[in-house]
Structures are given as structure tokens and as C-alpha cells.
Protein backbone atom coordinates (compact mmCIF):
# COMPACT_ATOMS: atom_id res chain seq x y z
CA MET A 1 16.31 -7.83 10.00
CA SER A 2 14.46 -8.07 6.68
CA GLU A 3 11.54 -5.83 5.75
CA GLU A 4 9.07 -8.73 5.69
CA ASN A 5 9.68 -9.49 9.35
CA THR A 6 9.15 -5.92 10.50
CA CYS A 7 5.59 -5.51 9.18
CA ILE A 8 2.28 -6.17 10.85
CA LEU A 9 -1.10 -6.18 9.11
CA GLY A 10 -4.05 -4.93 11.12
CA ARG A 11 -7.56 -5.38 9.70
CA PHE A 12 -10.30 -2.94 10.72
CA GLN A 13 -14.08 -2.98 10.28
CA SER A 14 -14.45 0.75 9.54
CA GLU A 15 -12.57 3.59 7.95
CA GLU A 16 -12.68 5.57 11.20
CA GLU A 17 -10.88 2.80 13.12
CA ALA A 18 -8.22 2.52 10.42
CA LEU A 19 -7.81 6.31 10.28
CA SER A 20 -7.39 6.48 14.05
CA ALA A 21 -4.69 3.81 13.88
CA VAL A 22 -2.91 5.60 11.01
CA LEU A 23 -2.85 8.86 12.96
CA GLU A 24 -1.44 7.23 16.09
CA ILE A 25 1.16 5.26 14.13
CA GLN A 26 2.35 8.48 12.48
CA GLU A 27 2.37 10.22 15.86
CA LYS A 28 4.66 7.54 17.29
CA GLY A 29 7.03 7.86 14.31
CA TRP A 30 6.40 4.43 12.86
CA GLU A 31 5.81 3.77 9.19
CA VAL A 32 2.50 3.14 7.42
CA ARG A 33 3.64 1.00 4.48
CA GLU A 34 0.29 0.27 2.82
CA VAL A 35 -3.43 0.72 3.35
CA TYR A 36 -5.84 -1.73 1.74
CA SER A 37 -9.36 -0.47 1.31
CA PRO A 38 -12.53 -2.02 -0.15
CA ILE A 39 -13.66 1.45 -1.35
CA PRO A 40 -11.79 4.72 -1.88
CA ALA A 41 -10.91 6.12 1.54
CA GLU A 42 -10.52 9.87 1.04
CA LYS A 43 -9.79 10.66 4.70
CA ILE A 44 -6.94 8.14 4.86
CA THR A 45 -5.62 9.32 1.50
CA ALA A 46 -5.57 12.91 2.77
CA VAL A 47 -3.77 11.99 6.01
CA LEU A 48 -1.12 9.98 4.15
CA ASN A 49 -0.66 12.77 1.54
CA ILE A 50 -1.08 10.37 -1.37
CA LYS A 51 -0.95 12.20 -4.68
CA LYS A 52 -3.66 11.81 -7.28
CA SER A 53 -2.85 9.50 -10.17
CA LYS A 54 -1.71 10.90 -13.52
CA VAL A 55 -3.33 8.09 -15.51
CA GLY A 56 -6.30 10.32 -16.40
CA TRP A 57 -3.98 12.74 -18.21
CA PHE A 58 -2.69 9.86 -20.35
CA THR A 59 -6.29 8.97 -21.19
CA LEU A 60 -7.09 12.58 -22.10
CA ALA A 61 -3.97 12.91 -24.27
CA GLY A 62 -4.82 9.64 -26.04
CA GLY A 63 -8.37 10.84 -26.67
CA ILE A 64 -7.23 14.16 -28.12
CA ILE A 65 -4.68 12.44 -30.35
CA GLY A 66 -7.36 9.97 -31.45
CA PHE A 67 -9.86 12.72 -32.29
CA LEU A 68 -7.32 14.65 -34.35
CA SER A 69 -6.12 11.45 -36.04
CA GLY A 70 -9.69 10.44 -36.93
CA TRP A 71 -10.45 13.85 -38.31
CA ALA A 72 -7.20 13.86 -40.33
CA LEU A 73 -7.83 10.35 -41.66
CA ALA A 74 -11.32 11.24 -42.84
CA ALA A 75 -10.15 14.52 -44.39
CA PHE A 76 -7.21 12.84 -46.11
CA THR A 77 -9.28 10.09 -47.64
CA ALA A 78 -11.98 12.54 -48.75
CA THR A 79 -9.48 14.82 -50.50
CA ARG A 80 -7.36 12.01 -51.94
CA TRP A 81 -10.30 10.20 -53.52
CA SER A 82 -12.78 13.01 -54.03
CA MET A 83 -16.18 11.71 -54.95
CA ILE A 84 -18.40 14.68 -55.67
CA VAL A 85 -21.97 13.60 -55.07
CA GLY A 86 -24.75 16.01 -55.98
CA GLY A 87 -22.61 19.11 -55.44
CA LYS A 88 -22.00 18.39 -51.72
CA PRO A 89 -18.69 19.57 -50.28
CA ILE A 90 -15.76 17.15 -50.24
CA LEU A 91 -14.84 18.02 -46.66
CA SER A 92 -18.10 17.40 -44.86
CA TRP A 93 -18.03 18.07 -41.11
CA PHE A 94 -20.69 15.78 -39.66
CA PRO A 95 -19.61 12.44 -41.16
CA PHE A 96 -16.05 13.13 -40.01
CA PHE A 97 -17.24 13.22 -36.40
CA ILE A 98 -18.11 9.52 -36.59
CA VAL A 99 -14.58 8.51 -37.53
CA ALA A 100 -13.08 11.02 -35.06
CA PHE A 101 -15.29 9.69 -32.24
CA GLU A 102 -14.31 6.07 -32.86
CA LEU A 103 -10.61 6.87 -32.90
CA THR A 104 -11.04 9.04 -29.80
CA ILE A 105 -12.30 6.01 -27.89
CA LEU A 106 -9.60 3.71 -29.30
CA PHE A 107 -6.71 6.04 -28.57
CA ALA A 108 -8.07 6.96 -25.12
CA VAL A 109 -7.98 3.27 -24.23
CA PHE A 110 -4.42 3.02 -25.55
CA GLY A 111 -3.46 6.10 -23.52
CA ASN A 112 -5.08 4.63 -20.41
CA ILE A 113 -3.18 1.37 -20.78
CA LEU A 114 0.07 3.24 -21.37
CA GLY A 115 -0.63 5.36 -18.28
CA LEU A 116 -1.30 2.28 -16.17
CA ILE A 117 1.90 0.63 -17.32
CA THR A 118 4.11 3.67 -16.79
CA GLN A 119 2.53 5.31 -13.71
CA VAL A 120 1.23 2.39 -11.68
CA GLY A 121 4.02 0.01 -12.57
CA LEU A 122 2.01 -2.80 -14.08
CA PRO A 123 2.31 -5.72 -13.90
CA ILE A 124 2.06 -5.56 -10.12
CA LYS A 125 3.65 -8.27 -8.03
CA PRO A 126 1.13 -9.61 -5.51
CA ASP A 127 1.78 -8.37 -1.98
CA GLU A 128 2.50 -11.21 0.41
CA HIS A 129 0.89 -9.34 3.33
CA TYR A 130 -2.43 -8.70 1.56
CA HIS A 131 -5.54 -10.33 3.04
CA PRO A 132 -8.57 -11.09 0.79
CA ALA A 133 -11.01 -9.62 3.33
CA CYS A 134 -9.61 -6.17 2.48
CA SER A 135 -11.34 -6.41 -0.90
CA GLY A 136 -14.73 -7.01 0.64
CA SER A 137 -15.51 -5.41 3.97
CA GLU A 138 -12.35 -4.68 5.93
CA TYR A 139 -9.64 -2.02 5.86
CA GLY A 140 -6.10 -3.33 6.05
CA LEU A 141 -3.24 -1.35 7.52
CA LEU A 142 0.29 -2.61 6.93
CA ALA A 143 2.59 -0.89 9.40
CA GLY A 144 6.25 -1.24 10.08
CA ALA A 145 8.52 -0.49 12.99
CA SER A 146 11.88 -1.53 14.34
CA SER A 147 12.11 -5.01 15.83
CA GLU A 148 12.12 -3.56 19.36
CA ASP A 149 8.82 -1.72 18.75
CA MET A 150 6.92 -4.59 17.13
CA ASP A 151 5.12 -5.59 20.34
CA SER A 152 4.06 -1.98 20.94
CA LEU A 153 2.81 -1.72 17.35
CA ARG A 154 0.85 -4.96 17.68
CA THR A 155 -0.74 -3.72 20.92
CA LEU A 156 -1.64 -0.37 19.34
CA LEU A 157 -3.37 -2.06 16.39
CA GLN A 158 -5.31 -4.35 18.71
CA ASN A 159 -6.32 -1.45 20.99
CA LYS A 160 -7.66 0.46 17.99
CA GLY A 161 -9.97 -2.44 17.15
CA GLY A 162 -7.85 -4.23 14.61
CA ILE A 163 -7.41 -7.94 14.01
CA VAL A 164 -3.65 -8.45 13.85
CA THR A 165 -2.24 -11.05 11.48
């Protein structure tokens, strides 16, 4: 039987109800395929052992590269076309921070986009099981089991307070 036919989506009103259902599904040996949450659900994330995203490291690396590039660009242009004004030094620290700051922001954004594309797998194909209420006020739990256990899974989700679709 195909994967689409062996999934059930249960929608819950609170994180505690969804967490209780996740724990019991794991206890029975069934699979939690996806959890949809309107806000970050740290308890559910901890129970499912979901690793933290590496996108922030891409953003940090982009920002550092941008800062160094901005500093190097300003220093290069100042030394290449030296305009001595009133005996001030050619390599002046404070004005270089402006250029370095701007390129820090630009390259951090580039790093973030690169991180999203490589780590999250953008563009993301819309999930056919997703329900729009999971973006507003409900927690969605997409669970899977063998075809023989589907009725038991449906009953479990309903007993935990879920609306099964």
C-alpha cells in the first residue's frame, strides 16, 4: 500500500494533547511522520529528537566573510587611490566600519539564503496532508502505521482529543 494511504492527520487544540499523542504513538511503535505547529513546540521537538538547524552557521559565515570583504575593499581602494587630506592616515579605521557593516549584512543574507536552500531543501513541495488550521491555532500530527493498525491509530488520536482527518 502506498505511503499516502497509511497516514492519518490528527489536529489538536494544545501542545500538551499533541505531546501526549506523540508519546503514545512512539510507545506503540508507530511512526510520527510530521508535526505541524503554529508556534515552536520545544517539548515535542525534544521528544522527537529533532536536531537544531545549521542555517544560522551559514548566516554567521556569510556575515564574517562580508565584514572581511568590506574591510578589504575599503583598504584596497584607499591604498590604490591614496588621497592624503590634511595629513590624515590613508588607512582610517572608523570609515571602514561603514563599508564593512554594509557588506556584513549583505553577505549574511546571502549566507542565510544559501543555508536555506542547502539545509532545508528549498523549494519545498507542499504537503498534501497539511491543514491550514495548523498555521493558526491547532497542532497537527501526521502519523503512520501499517494498514492493519490504521483503525487503532485513528482511535488513539480521537481518544487523545484530536480531530482526525
